[in-house]
Amino acid sequence: MIEPMKAALAAASLAVLLLAGCGSEPAAERAETKPDAAVVEDAPQAADAAQPTPPIATAQTLTLEGFGGLTIGKPVPAGSPWAARGAQISEGCTAISAPDWPGAYAIVEEGVVRRITVSNKSEAKLLEGIGPGSTEADVRKAFPSFVAEPHKYVDAPAKYLTQPGDDPRLRFEIDAEDKVSLVHVGVRPTLEYVEGCA
């Protein structure tokens, strides 16, 4: 009786050892695969490091959403430094400015901001690095689909370059020296007012 039990126990032990041997790698092979796995894991990080760093928004960044605490399509925030300071005011239209944001003004209609404009007296730029003082070539390189129209008051090569599509959108005024004199962001028709609220 003891002999068959010993034989069964020996057979079971042998089966466990065989199964364990089938499922594991020799130590030498395991050592070789670990460094390879580490190299594969490090590869995406090396690829990420090669990518250019995206631009970072700052207080002087003009976006389709707004600028200087103003948001297109929303009222001027309570306590904001933006106010009508001897600026243009006509029926239902007010131009506002703020000492904190020199060279910029906004148009408010029906109680909400409809357009924000920055001039060459402003340090504002888009995330693409385009702003007042940029060349027309810079604008066209960054925004090749923008539509050109003749300027209302300045002879060619002066023009307007306007973003196609839905509001809000961008509009650049290019001067006679092929440079950006004004950048507007807003909604039509306010975006295209030539004389502000006048």
N, C-alpha and C. Protein backbone atom coordinates (compact mmCIF):
# COMPACT_ATOMS: atom_id res chain seq x y z
N MET A 1 0.82 -1.18 0.00
CA MET A 1 0.00 0.00 0.00
C MET A 1 0.87 1.25 0.00
N ILE A 2 1.96 1.17 0.77
CA ILE A 2 2.85 2.32 0.83
C ILE A 2 3.56 2.52 -0.50
N GLU A 3 3.91 1.41 -1.16
CA GLU A 3 4.63 1.51 -2.42
C GLU A 3 3.80 2.23 -3.48
N PRO A 4 2.49 1.87 -3.69
CA PRO A 4 1.72 2.61 -4.69
C PRO A 4 1.59 4.09 -4.33
N MET A 5 1.50 4.46 -3.05
CA MET A 5 1.39 5.86 -2.65
C MET A 5 2.68 6.61 -2.97
N LYS A 6 3.83 5.95 -2.72
CA LYS A 6 5.12 6.58 -3.04
C LYS A 6 5.24 6.81 -4.54
N ALA A 7 4.77 5.80 -5.31
CA ALA A 7 4.84 5.92 -6.76
C ALA A 7 3.95 7.06 -7.24
N ALA A 8 2.74 7.17 -6.66
CA ALA A 8 1.80 8.24 -7.05
C ALA A 8 2.37 9.60 -6.67
N LEU A 9 2.96 9.69 -5.49
CA LEU A 9 3.54 10.95 -5.03
C LEU A 9 4.72 11.34 -5.91
N ALA A 10 5.54 10.39 -6.28
CA ALA A 10 6.68 10.66 -7.15
C ALA A 10 6.21 11.12 -8.53
N ALA A 11 5.13 10.48 -9.04
CA ALA A 11 4.59 10.86 -10.35
C ALA A 11 4.04 12.28 -10.31
N ALA A 12 3.34 12.61 -9.22
CA ALA A 12 2.76 13.95 -9.08
C ALA A 12 3.86 14.99 -9.00
N SER A 13 4.91 14.71 -8.25
CA SER A 13 6.04 15.63 -8.12
C SER A 13 6.70 15.86 -9.46
N LEU A 14 6.87 14.77 -10.23
CA LEU A 14 7.48 14.87 -11.54
C LEU A 14 6.62 15.72 -12.48
N ALA A 15 5.29 15.56 -12.41
CA ALA A 15 4.37 16.34 -13.25
C ALA A 15 4.48 17.83 -12.91
N VAL A 16 4.53 18.14 -11.62
CA VAL A 16 4.65 19.56 -11.21
C VAL A 16 5.95 20.14 -11.73
N LEU A 17 7.04 19.40 -11.60
CA LEU A 17 8.33 19.90 -12.10
C LEU A 17 8.32 20.10 -13.60
N LEU A 18 7.70 19.18 -14.34
CA LEU A 18 7.63 19.31 -15.79
C LEU A 18 6.80 20.51 -16.20
N LEU A 19 5.65 20.69 -15.54
CA LEU A 19 4.81 21.86 -15.85
C LEU A 19 5.54 23.16 -15.53
N ALA A 20 6.21 23.21 -14.40
CA ALA A 20 6.95 24.42 -14.03
C ALA A 20 8.04 24.71 -15.04
N GLY A 21 8.69 23.67 -15.51
CA GLY A 21 9.75 23.85 -16.50
C GLY A 21 9.23 24.35 -17.82
N CYS A 22 8.02 23.92 -18.21
CA CYS A 22 7.44 24.36 -19.49
C CYS A 22 7.04 25.81 -19.47
N GLY A 23 6.64 26.32 -18.31
CA GLY A 23 6.10 27.68 -18.26
C GLY A 23 7.12 28.74 -17.94
N SER A 24 8.34 28.40 -17.66
CA SER A 24 9.31 29.44 -17.30
C SER A 24 10.48 29.42 -18.26
N GLU A 25 11.15 30.57 -18.31
CA GLU A 25 12.31 30.69 -19.17
C GLU A 25 13.56 30.46 -18.34
N PRO A 26 14.61 30.02 -18.96
CA PRO A 26 15.87 29.93 -18.24
C PRO A 26 16.29 31.32 -17.79
N ALA A 27 17.03 31.37 -16.69
CA ALA A 27 17.44 32.66 -16.12
C ALA A 27 18.21 33.49 -17.13
N ALA A 28 19.03 32.86 -17.95
CA ALA A 28 19.83 33.61 -18.94
C ALA A 28 18.92 34.31 -19.95
N GLU A 29 17.84 33.61 -20.38
CA GLU A 29 16.93 34.22 -21.34
C GLU A 29 16.17 35.37 -20.70
N ARG A 30 15.75 35.23 -19.44
CA ARG A 30 15.03 36.30 -18.75
C ARG A 30 15.92 37.53 -18.64
N ALA A 31 17.16 37.35 -18.35
CA ALA A 31 18.09 38.47 -18.22
C ALA A 31 18.23 39.20 -19.54
N GLU A 32 18.20 38.45 -20.66
CA GLU A 32 18.34 39.09 -21.97
C GLU A 32 17.10 39.88 -22.35
N THR A 33 15.91 39.43 -21.96
CA THR A 33 14.69 40.12 -22.39
C THR A 33 14.42 41.38 -21.59
N LYS A 34 14.84 41.47 -20.36
CA LYS A 34 14.55 42.65 -19.55
C LYS A 34 15.15 43.92 -20.13
N PRO A 35 16.44 43.93 -20.52
CA PRO A 35 16.97 45.16 -21.09
C PRO A 35 16.23 45.57 -22.36
N ASP A 36 15.83 44.60 -23.20
CA ASP A 36 15.11 44.94 -24.43
C ASP A 36 13.79 45.63 -24.10
N ALA A 37 13.08 45.12 -23.08
CA ALA A 37 11.82 45.73 -22.70
C ALA A 37 12.04 47.16 -22.24
N ALA A 38 13.12 47.39 -21.51
CA ALA A 38 13.40 48.75 -21.05
C ALA A 38 13.67 49.68 -22.23
N VAL A 39 14.36 49.19 -23.23
CA VAL A 39 14.65 50.00 -24.41
C VAL A 39 13.36 50.36 -25.13
N VAL A 40 12.44 49.40 -25.25
CA VAL A 40 11.17 49.66 -25.93
C VAL A 40 10.37 50.70 -25.16
N GLU A 41 10.38 50.61 -23.82
CA GLU A 41 9.62 51.58 -23.03
C GLU A 41 10.22 52.97 -23.15
N ASP A 42 11.53 53.07 -23.29
CA ASP A 42 12.18 54.38 -23.38
C ASP A 42 12.01 55.01 -24.75
N ALA A 43 11.71 54.22 -25.78
CA ALA A 43 11.63 54.74 -27.15
C ALA A 43 10.60 55.84 -27.30
N PRO A 44 9.34 55.71 -26.77
CA PRO A 44 8.39 56.79 -26.94
C PRO A 44 8.85 58.08 -26.28
N GLN A 45 9.55 57.97 -25.15
CA GLN A 45 10.02 59.18 -24.48
C GLN A 45 11.04 59.89 -25.36
N ALA A 46 11.91 59.12 -26.01
CA ALA A 46 12.89 59.74 -26.90
C ALA A 46 12.17 60.43 -28.06
N ALA A 47 11.11 59.81 -28.59
CA ALA A 47 10.36 60.42 -29.69
C ALA A 47 9.67 61.69 -29.21
N ASP A 48 9.10 61.67 -27.99
CA ASP A 48 8.45 62.86 -27.45
C ASP A 48 9.44 64.00 -27.29
N ALA A 49 10.65 63.68 -26.87
CA ALA A 49 11.66 64.70 -26.66
C ALA A 49 12.01 65.41 -27.97
N ALA A 50 11.86 64.71 -29.09
CA ALA A 50 12.19 65.30 -30.39
C ALA A 50 11.11 66.26 -30.88
N GLN A 51 9.89 66.17 -30.32
CA GLN A 51 8.79 67.03 -30.76
C GLN A 51 9.03 68.46 -30.29
N PRO A 52 8.66 69.48 -31.10
CA PRO A 52 8.82 70.86 -30.65
C PRO A 52 7.86 71.16 -29.50
N THR A 53 8.28 72.02 -28.61
CA THR A 53 7.43 72.40 -27.49
C THR A 53 6.32 73.31 -28.00
N PRO A 54 5.06 72.99 -27.70
CA PRO A 54 3.98 73.86 -28.18
C PRO A 54 4.03 75.22 -27.50
N PRO A 55 3.55 76.27 -28.20
CA PRO A 55 3.56 77.59 -27.58
C PRO A 55 2.67 77.62 -26.34
N ILE A 56 3.03 78.47 -25.41
CA ILE A 56 2.28 78.59 -24.15
C ILE A 56 1.54 79.92 -24.14
N ALA A 57 0.25 79.87 -23.77
CA ALA A 57 -0.54 81.09 -23.67
C ALA A 57 -0.04 81.93 -22.50
N THR A 58 0.01 83.24 -22.72
CA THR A 58 0.39 84.17 -21.65
C THR A 58 -0.71 85.21 -21.53
N ALA A 59 -0.51 86.18 -20.64
CA ALA A 59 -1.50 87.25 -20.47
C ALA A 59 -1.64 88.07 -21.75
N GLN A 60 -0.62 88.05 -22.61
CA GLN A 60 -0.65 88.82 -23.86
C GLN A 60 -1.09 87.97 -25.05
N THR A 61 -1.70 86.81 -24.81
CA THR A 61 -2.14 85.96 -25.91
C THR A 61 -3.57 86.30 -26.31
N LEU A 62 -3.75 86.62 -27.58
CA LEU A 62 -5.07 86.87 -28.15
C LEU A 62 -5.59 85.55 -28.72
N THR A 63 -6.81 85.18 -28.35
CA THR A 63 -7.39 83.93 -28.85
C THR A 63 -8.76 84.20 -29.46
N LEU A 64 -9.32 83.20 -30.09
CA LEU A 64 -10.69 83.33 -30.61
C LEU A 64 -11.69 83.53 -29.48
N GLU A 65 -11.34 83.07 -28.29
CA GLU A 65 -12.24 83.22 -27.15
C GLU A 65 -12.20 84.62 -26.58
N GLY A 66 -11.04 85.28 -26.60
CA GLY A 66 -10.98 86.62 -26.03
C GLY A 66 -9.57 87.07 -25.71
N PHE A 67 -9.51 88.09 -24.83
CA PHE A 67 -8.24 88.72 -24.49
C PHE A 67 -8.44 89.59 -23.26
N GLY A 68 -7.44 89.63 -22.39
CA GLY A 68 -7.44 90.57 -21.27
C GLY A 68 -8.60 90.42 -20.31
N GLY A 69 -9.10 89.21 -20.15
CA GLY A 69 -10.24 88.99 -19.26
C GLY A 69 -11.58 89.16 -19.93
N LEU A 70 -11.59 89.56 -21.20
CA LEU A 70 -12.84 89.68 -21.97
C LEU A 70 -13.06 88.40 -22.76
N THR A 71 -14.32 88.01 -22.89
CA THR A 71 -14.67 86.82 -23.67
C THR A 71 -15.68 87.20 -24.73
N ILE A 72 -15.40 86.82 -25.98
CA ILE A 72 -16.32 87.11 -27.08
C ILE A 72 -17.67 86.45 -26.78
N GLY A 73 -18.75 87.26 -26.93
CA GLY A 73 -20.10 86.75 -26.71
C GLY A 73 -20.58 86.82 -25.27
N LYS A 74 -19.74 87.36 -24.37
CA LYS A 74 -20.14 87.47 -22.96
C LYS A 74 -20.03 88.92 -22.51
N PRO A 75 -20.78 89.28 -21.43
CA PRO A 75 -20.68 90.65 -20.91
C PRO A 75 -19.28 90.93 -20.35
N VAL A 76 -18.96 92.22 -20.22
CA VAL A 76 -17.72 92.63 -19.57
C VAL A 76 -17.83 92.21 -18.11
N PRO A 77 -16.84 91.49 -17.57
CA PRO A 77 -16.92 91.03 -16.18
C PRO A 77 -17.03 92.18 -15.18
N ALA A 78 -17.80 91.97 -14.12
CA ALA A 78 -17.94 92.98 -13.06
C ALA A 78 -16.57 93.24 -12.44
N GLY A 79 -16.27 94.50 -12.20
CA GLY A 79 -14.99 94.87 -11.61
C GLY A 79 -13.84 94.90 -12.60
N SER A 80 -14.13 94.69 -13.87
CA SER A 80 -13.09 94.69 -14.90
C SER A 80 -12.58 96.11 -15.12
N PRO A 81 -11.30 96.26 -15.50
CA PRO A 81 -10.78 97.60 -15.81
C PRO A 81 -11.27 98.13 -17.16
N TRP A 82 -11.95 97.28 -17.96
CA TRP A 82 -12.43 97.71 -19.27
C TRP A 82 -13.64 98.63 -19.10
N ALA A 83 -13.57 99.82 -19.74
CA ALA A 83 -14.68 100.77 -19.66
C ALA A 83 -14.58 101.75 -20.84
N ALA A 84 -15.69 102.49 -21.06
CA ALA A 84 -15.70 103.52 -22.11
C ALA A 84 -14.96 104.73 -21.55
N ARG A 85 -13.80 105.02 -22.08
CA ARG A 85 -12.98 106.13 -21.61
C ARG A 85 -12.84 107.14 -22.74
N GLY A 86 -13.86 107.92 -22.97
CA GLY A 86 -13.82 108.88 -24.06
C GLY A 86 -13.79 108.21 -25.41
N ALA A 87 -14.14 106.92 -25.43
CA ALA A 87 -14.13 106.17 -26.68
C ALA A 87 -15.43 106.38 -27.43
N GLN A 88 -15.53 105.77 -28.59
CA GLN A 88 -16.73 105.90 -29.42
C GLN A 88 -17.93 105.24 -28.74
N ILE A 89 -19.03 105.97 -28.77
CA ILE A 89 -20.28 105.40 -28.28
C ILE A 89 -21.36 105.84 -29.26
N SER A 90 -22.10 104.89 -29.78
CA SER A 90 -23.25 105.21 -30.62
C SER A 90 -24.41 104.37 -30.12
N GLU A 91 -25.55 104.50 -30.73
CA GLU A 91 -26.72 103.78 -30.25
C GLU A 91 -26.48 102.27 -30.25
N GLY A 92 -26.44 101.69 -29.05
CA GLY A 92 -26.27 100.25 -28.91
C GLY A 92 -24.86 99.74 -29.10
N CYS A 93 -23.89 100.63 -29.30
CA CYS A 93 -22.50 100.21 -29.55
C CYS A 93 -21.56 101.06 -28.70
N THR A 94 -20.66 100.40 -27.97
CA THR A 94 -19.70 101.10 -27.12
C THR A 94 -18.32 100.51 -27.33
N ALA A 95 -17.33 101.38 -27.52
CA ALA A 95 -15.93 100.94 -27.59
C ALA A 95 -15.33 101.12 -26.19
N ILE A 96 -14.69 100.08 -25.69
CA ILE A 96 -14.10 100.14 -24.35
C ILE A 96 -12.61 99.85 -24.43
N SER A 97 -11.88 100.36 -23.44
CA SER A 97 -10.44 100.11 -23.34
C SER A 97 -10.09 99.93 -21.87
N ALA A 98 -8.83 99.56 -21.63
CA ALA A 98 -8.36 99.35 -20.26
C ALA A 98 -6.90 99.76 -20.16
N PRO A 99 -6.53 100.49 -19.09
CA PRO A 99 -5.13 100.90 -18.93
C PRO A 99 -4.18 99.70 -18.84
N ASP A 100 -4.70 98.57 -18.34
CA ASP A 100 -3.86 97.37 -18.21
C ASP A 100 -3.52 96.74 -19.56
N TRP A 101 -4.26 97.10 -20.60
CA TRP A 101 -4.09 96.49 -21.92
C TRP A 101 -3.92 97.57 -22.99
N PRO A 102 -2.78 98.31 -22.95
CA PRO A 102 -2.58 99.38 -23.92
C PRO A 102 -2.57 98.85 -25.35
N GLY A 103 -3.10 99.69 -26.25
CA GLY A 103 -3.13 99.31 -27.66
C GLY A 103 -4.24 98.36 -28.03
N ALA A 104 -5.18 98.13 -27.10
CA ALA A 104 -6.30 97.22 -27.36
C ALA A 104 -7.62 97.92 -27.02
N TYR A 105 -8.66 97.56 -27.75
CA TYR A 105 -10.00 98.02 -27.40
C TYR A 105 -11.00 96.94 -27.81
N ALA A 106 -12.20 97.06 -27.27
CA ALA A 106 -13.24 96.08 -27.58
C ALA A 106 -14.53 96.82 -27.93
N ILE A 107 -15.37 96.17 -28.70
CA ILE A 107 -16.69 96.71 -29.04
C ILE A 107 -17.74 95.86 -28.33
N VAL A 108 -18.61 96.56 -27.61
CA VAL A 108 -19.70 95.91 -26.88
C VAL A 108 -21.01 96.31 -27.53
N GLU A 109 -21.81 95.32 -27.90
CA GLU A 109 -23.15 95.56 -28.46
C GLU A 109 -24.12 94.61 -27.76
N GLU A 110 -25.33 95.12 -27.50
CA GLU A 110 -26.36 94.32 -26.84
C GLU A 110 -25.84 93.70 -25.54
N GLY A 111 -24.96 94.44 -24.86
CA GLY A 111 -24.47 94.02 -23.56
C GLY A 111 -23.37 92.96 -23.55
N VAL A 112 -22.89 92.55 -24.73
CA VAL A 112 -21.82 91.55 -24.77
C VAL A 112 -20.68 92.00 -25.68
N VAL A 113 -19.50 91.45 -25.44
CA VAL A 113 -18.32 91.76 -26.25
C VAL A 113 -18.48 91.10 -27.62
N ARG A 114 -18.42 91.90 -28.67
CA ARG A 114 -18.57 91.38 -30.04
C ARG A 114 -17.25 91.36 -30.82
N ARG A 115 -16.33 92.23 -30.41
CA ARG A 115 -15.04 92.28 -31.11
C ARG A 115 -13.97 92.79 -30.16
N ILE A 116 -12.77 92.26 -30.31
CA ILE A 116 -11.59 92.76 -29.61
C ILE A 116 -10.55 93.07 -30.67
N THR A 117 -9.93 94.24 -30.56
CA THR A 117 -8.93 94.68 -31.54
C THR A 117 -7.63 95.01 -30.82
N VAL A 118 -6.51 94.55 -31.37
CA VAL A 118 -5.20 94.94 -30.85
C VAL A 118 -4.43 95.64 -31.97
N SER A 119 -3.75 96.72 -31.59
CA SER A 119 -3.01 97.53 -32.56
C SER A 119 -1.52 97.33 -32.36
N ASN A 120 -0.73 98.07 -33.17
CA ASN A 120 0.72 97.95 -33.05
C ASN A 120 1.27 98.60 -31.77
N LYS A 121 0.38 99.17 -30.94
CA LYS A 121 0.79 99.67 -29.62
C LYS A 121 0.61 98.59 -28.54
N SER A 122 0.15 97.43 -28.97
CA SER A 122 -0.08 96.31 -28.06
C SER A 122 1.00 95.25 -28.24
N GLU A 123 1.29 94.52 -27.17
CA GLU A 123 2.24 93.41 -27.26
C GLU A 123 1.53 92.09 -27.52
N ALA A 124 0.23 92.13 -27.74
CA ALA A 124 -0.56 90.90 -27.91
C ALA A 124 -0.16 90.15 -29.18
N LYS A 125 -0.18 88.83 -29.06
CA LYS A 125 0.07 87.96 -30.21
C LYS A 125 -0.83 86.73 -30.09
N LEU A 126 -1.06 86.09 -31.23
CA LEU A 126 -1.76 84.81 -31.24
C LEU A 126 -0.78 83.72 -30.80
N LEU A 127 -1.28 82.55 -30.48
CA LEU A 127 -0.40 81.43 -30.12
C LEU A 127 0.61 81.13 -31.23
N GLU A 128 0.22 81.42 -32.48
CA GLU A 128 1.10 81.17 -33.62
C GLU A 128 2.24 82.20 -33.70
N GLY A 129 2.22 83.19 -32.80
CA GLY A 129 3.26 84.21 -32.81
C GLY A 129 2.95 85.39 -33.72
N ILE A 130 1.79 85.39 -34.35
CA ILE A 130 1.39 86.47 -35.25
C ILE A 130 0.72 87.58 -34.45
N GLY A 131 1.07 88.82 -34.76
CA GLY A 131 0.46 89.96 -34.09
C GLY A 131 0.78 91.22 -34.87
N PRO A 132 0.41 92.38 -34.33
CA PRO A 132 0.75 93.63 -35.00
C PRO A 132 2.26 93.70 -35.26
N GLY A 133 2.61 94.10 -36.47
CA GLY A 133 4.02 94.16 -36.87
C GLY A 133 4.47 92.95 -37.66
N SER A 134 3.72 91.84 -37.60
CA SER A 134 4.05 90.66 -38.41
C SER A 134 3.84 91.01 -39.88
N THR A 135 4.49 90.29 -40.76
CA THR A 135 4.33 90.54 -42.19
C THR A 135 3.12 89.79 -42.74
N GLU A 136 2.67 90.24 -43.91
CA GLU A 136 1.58 89.52 -44.58
C GLU A 136 2.02 88.09 -44.88
N ALA A 137 3.29 87.90 -45.24
CA ALA A 137 3.80 86.55 -45.51
C ALA A 137 3.69 85.67 -44.27
N ASP A 138 3.97 86.23 -43.09
CA ASP A 138 3.83 85.47 -41.84
C ASP A 138 2.39 85.02 -41.65
N VAL A 139 1.45 85.94 -41.91
CA VAL A 139 0.03 85.63 -41.75
C VAL A 139 -0.38 84.54 -42.72
N ARG A 140 0.01 84.68 -43.97
CA ARG A 140 -0.39 83.70 -44.99
C ARG A 140 0.23 82.32 -44.75
N LYS A 141 1.43 82.30 -44.17
CA LYS A 141 2.06 81.02 -43.85
C LYS A 141 1.29 80.32 -42.73
N ALA A 142 0.90 81.09 -41.71
CA ALA A 142 0.17 80.51 -40.58
C ALA A 142 -1.29 80.23 -40.91
N PHE A 143 -1.88 81.06 -41.78
CA PHE A 143 -3.30 80.96 -42.09
C PHE A 143 -3.53 81.03 -43.60
N PRO A 144 -3.16 80.01 -44.35
CA PRO A 144 -3.22 80.08 -45.81
C PRO A 144 -4.63 80.18 -46.38
N SER A 145 -5.66 79.84 -45.62
CA SER A 145 -7.02 79.84 -46.16
C SER A 145 -7.74 81.18 -45.99
N PHE A 146 -7.10 82.17 -45.34
CA PHE A 146 -7.78 83.44 -45.09
C PHE A 146 -8.08 84.16 -46.41
N VAL A 147 -9.22 84.82 -46.44
CA VAL A 147 -9.71 85.48 -47.66
C VAL A 147 -9.30 86.94 -47.67
N ALA A 148 -8.74 87.40 -48.80
CA ALA A 148 -8.28 88.79 -48.94
C ALA A 148 -9.36 89.68 -49.54
N GLU A 149 -9.44 90.91 -49.01
CA GLU A 149 -10.34 91.94 -49.55
C GLU A 149 -9.57 93.25 -49.57
N PRO A 150 -9.88 94.14 -50.53
CA PRO A 150 -9.19 95.44 -50.55
C PRO A 150 -9.50 96.25 -49.29
N HIS A 151 -8.53 97.02 -48.84
CA HIS A 151 -8.72 97.90 -47.68
C HIS A 151 -9.62 99.06 -48.07
N LYS A 152 -10.45 99.51 -47.14
CA LYS A 152 -11.41 100.60 -47.45
C LYS A 152 -10.74 101.96 -47.59
N TYR A 153 -9.64 102.19 -46.85
CA TYR A 153 -9.05 103.53 -46.84
C TYR A 153 -7.60 103.60 -47.31
N VAL A 154 -6.92 102.47 -47.39
CA VAL A 154 -5.50 102.48 -47.74
C VAL A 154 -5.33 101.73 -49.06
N ASP A 155 -4.52 102.32 -49.96
CA ASP A 155 -4.28 101.70 -51.27
C ASP A 155 -3.51 100.39 -51.14
N ALA A 156 -3.65 99.55 -52.16
CA ALA A 156 -2.92 98.28 -52.22
C ALA A 156 -1.42 98.59 -52.13
N PRO A 157 -0.68 97.73 -51.48
CA PRO A 157 -1.02 96.35 -51.14
C PRO A 157 -1.81 96.18 -49.84
N ALA A 158 -2.28 97.28 -49.24
CA ALA A 158 -3.07 97.16 -48.01
C ALA A 158 -4.33 96.33 -48.28
N LYS A 159 -4.76 95.58 -47.28
CA LYS A 159 -5.92 94.70 -47.46
C LYS A 159 -6.39 94.18 -46.12
N TYR A 160 -7.51 93.46 -46.15
CA TYR A 160 -8.00 92.70 -45.00
C TYR A 160 -7.82 91.22 -45.33
N LEU A 161 -7.42 90.45 -44.35
CA LEU A 161 -7.35 88.99 -44.48
C LEU A 161 -8.26 88.42 -43.39
N THR A 162 -9.34 87.75 -43.82
CA THR A 162 -10.37 87.30 -42.88
C THR A 162 -10.49 85.79 -42.89
N GLN A 163 -10.63 85.23 -41.70
CA GLN A 163 -10.80 83.79 -41.53
C GLN A 163 -12.15 83.35 -42.08
N PRO A 164 -12.17 82.32 -42.93
CA PRO A 164 -13.45 81.78 -43.39
C PRO A 164 -14.07 80.90 -42.30
N GLY A 165 -15.34 80.56 -42.48
CA GLY A 165 -15.96 79.63 -41.54
C GLY A 165 -16.88 80.32 -40.55
N ASP A 166 -16.99 79.72 -39.38
CA ASP A 166 -17.94 80.17 -38.37
C ASP A 166 -17.32 81.17 -37.41
N ASP A 167 -18.19 81.95 -36.75
CA ASP A 167 -17.76 82.89 -35.72
C ASP A 167 -17.51 82.13 -34.42
N PRO A 168 -16.64 82.67 -33.55
CA PRO A 168 -15.81 83.86 -33.77
C PRO A 168 -14.66 83.55 -34.74
N ARG A 169 -14.15 84.61 -35.32
CA ARG A 169 -13.08 84.45 -36.31
C ARG A 169 -12.09 85.60 -36.23
N LEU A 170 -10.98 85.45 -36.95
CA LEU A 170 -9.92 86.45 -36.97
C LEU A 170 -10.00 87.30 -38.24
N ARG A 171 -9.53 88.53 -38.10
CA ARG A 171 -9.42 89.43 -39.26
C ARG A 171 -8.17 90.28 -39.06
N PHE A 172 -7.29 90.27 -40.06
CA PHE A 172 -6.06 91.06 -40.02
C PHE A 172 -6.21 92.26 -40.95
N GLU A 173 -5.71 93.41 -40.51
CA GLU A 173 -5.59 94.56 -41.40
C GLU A 173 -4.12 94.68 -41.77
N ILE A 174 -3.85 94.60 -43.06
CA ILE A 174 -2.48 94.71 -43.58
C ILE A 174 -2.31 96.12 -44.12
N ASP A 175 -1.21 96.78 -43.73
CA ASP A 175 -1.00 98.17 -44.15
C ASP A 175 -0.23 98.26 -45.47
N ALA A 176 0.10 99.47 -45.87
CA ALA A 176 0.78 99.70 -47.15
C ALA A 176 2.19 99.11 -47.19
N GLU A 177 2.77 98.81 -46.02
CA GLU A 177 4.11 98.20 -45.96
C GLU A 177 4.05 96.67 -45.84
N ASP A 178 2.87 96.09 -46.12
CA ASP A 178 2.70 94.63 -46.03
C ASP A 178 2.85 94.10 -44.61
N LYS A 179 2.51 94.93 -43.61
CA LYS A 179 2.59 94.48 -42.22
C LYS A 179 1.22 94.57 -41.56
N VAL A 180 1.05 93.74 -40.53
CA VAL A 180 -0.21 93.75 -39.77
C VAL A 180 -0.26 95.01 -38.92
N SER A 181 -1.30 95.83 -39.13
CA SER A 181 -1.48 97.02 -38.30
C SER A 181 -2.49 96.77 -37.19
N LEU A 182 -3.52 95.95 -37.47
CA LEU A 182 -4.54 95.62 -36.48
C LEU A 182 -4.92 94.15 -36.60
N VAL A 183 -5.22 93.54 -35.46
CA VAL A 183 -5.77 92.18 -35.45
C VAL A 183 -7.10 92.27 -34.72
N HIS A 184 -8.15 91.75 -35.35
CA HIS A 184 -9.48 91.73 -34.75
C HIS A 184 -9.88 90.28 -34.52
N VAL A 185 -10.57 90.03 -33.43
CA VAL A 185 -11.21 88.74 -33.20
C VAL A 185 -12.64 89.04 -32.78
N GLY A 186 -13.60 88.33 -33.38
CA GLY A 186 -14.99 88.61 -33.03
C GLY A 186 -15.97 87.95 -33.96
N VAL A 187 -17.18 88.52 -33.97
CA VAL A 187 -18.27 87.95 -34.76
C VAL A 187 -18.75 88.99 -35.78
N ARG A 188 -19.23 88.47 -36.91
CA ARG A 188 -19.79 89.35 -37.93
C ARG A 188 -21.17 89.81 -37.50
N PRO A 189 -21.62 90.99 -37.88
CA PRO A 189 -20.94 91.97 -38.74
C PRO A 189 -19.96 92.87 -37.99
N THR A 190 -19.97 92.83 -36.65
CA THR A 190 -19.11 93.72 -35.86
C THR A 190 -17.65 93.55 -36.22
N LEU A 191 -17.23 92.34 -36.50
CA LEU A 191 -15.84 92.08 -36.86
C LEU A 191 -15.37 92.96 -38.01
N GLU A 192 -16.29 93.30 -38.92
CA GLU A 192 -15.92 94.03 -40.14
C GLU A 192 -16.21 95.52 -40.07
N TYR A 193 -16.61 96.05 -38.90
CA TYR A 193 -16.82 97.49 -38.80
C TYR A 193 -15.49 98.18 -39.13
N VAL A 194 -15.55 99.11 -40.06
CA VAL A 194 -14.34 99.81 -40.49
C VAL A 194 -14.01 100.95 -39.54
N GLU A 195 -15.02 101.58 -38.96
CA GLU A 195 -14.78 102.74 -38.10
C GLU A 195 -15.25 102.49 -36.67
N GLY A 196 -15.14 101.28 -36.20
CA GLY A 196 -15.55 100.98 -34.83
C GLY A 196 -17.04 101.24 -34.65
N CYS A 197 -17.39 101.96 -33.58
CA CYS A 197 -18.80 102.26 -33.30
C CYS A 197 -19.28 103.54 -33.98
N ALA A 198 -18.43 104.19 -34.76
CA ALA A 198 -18.81 105.46 -35.39
C ALA A 198 -19.91 105.26 -36.43
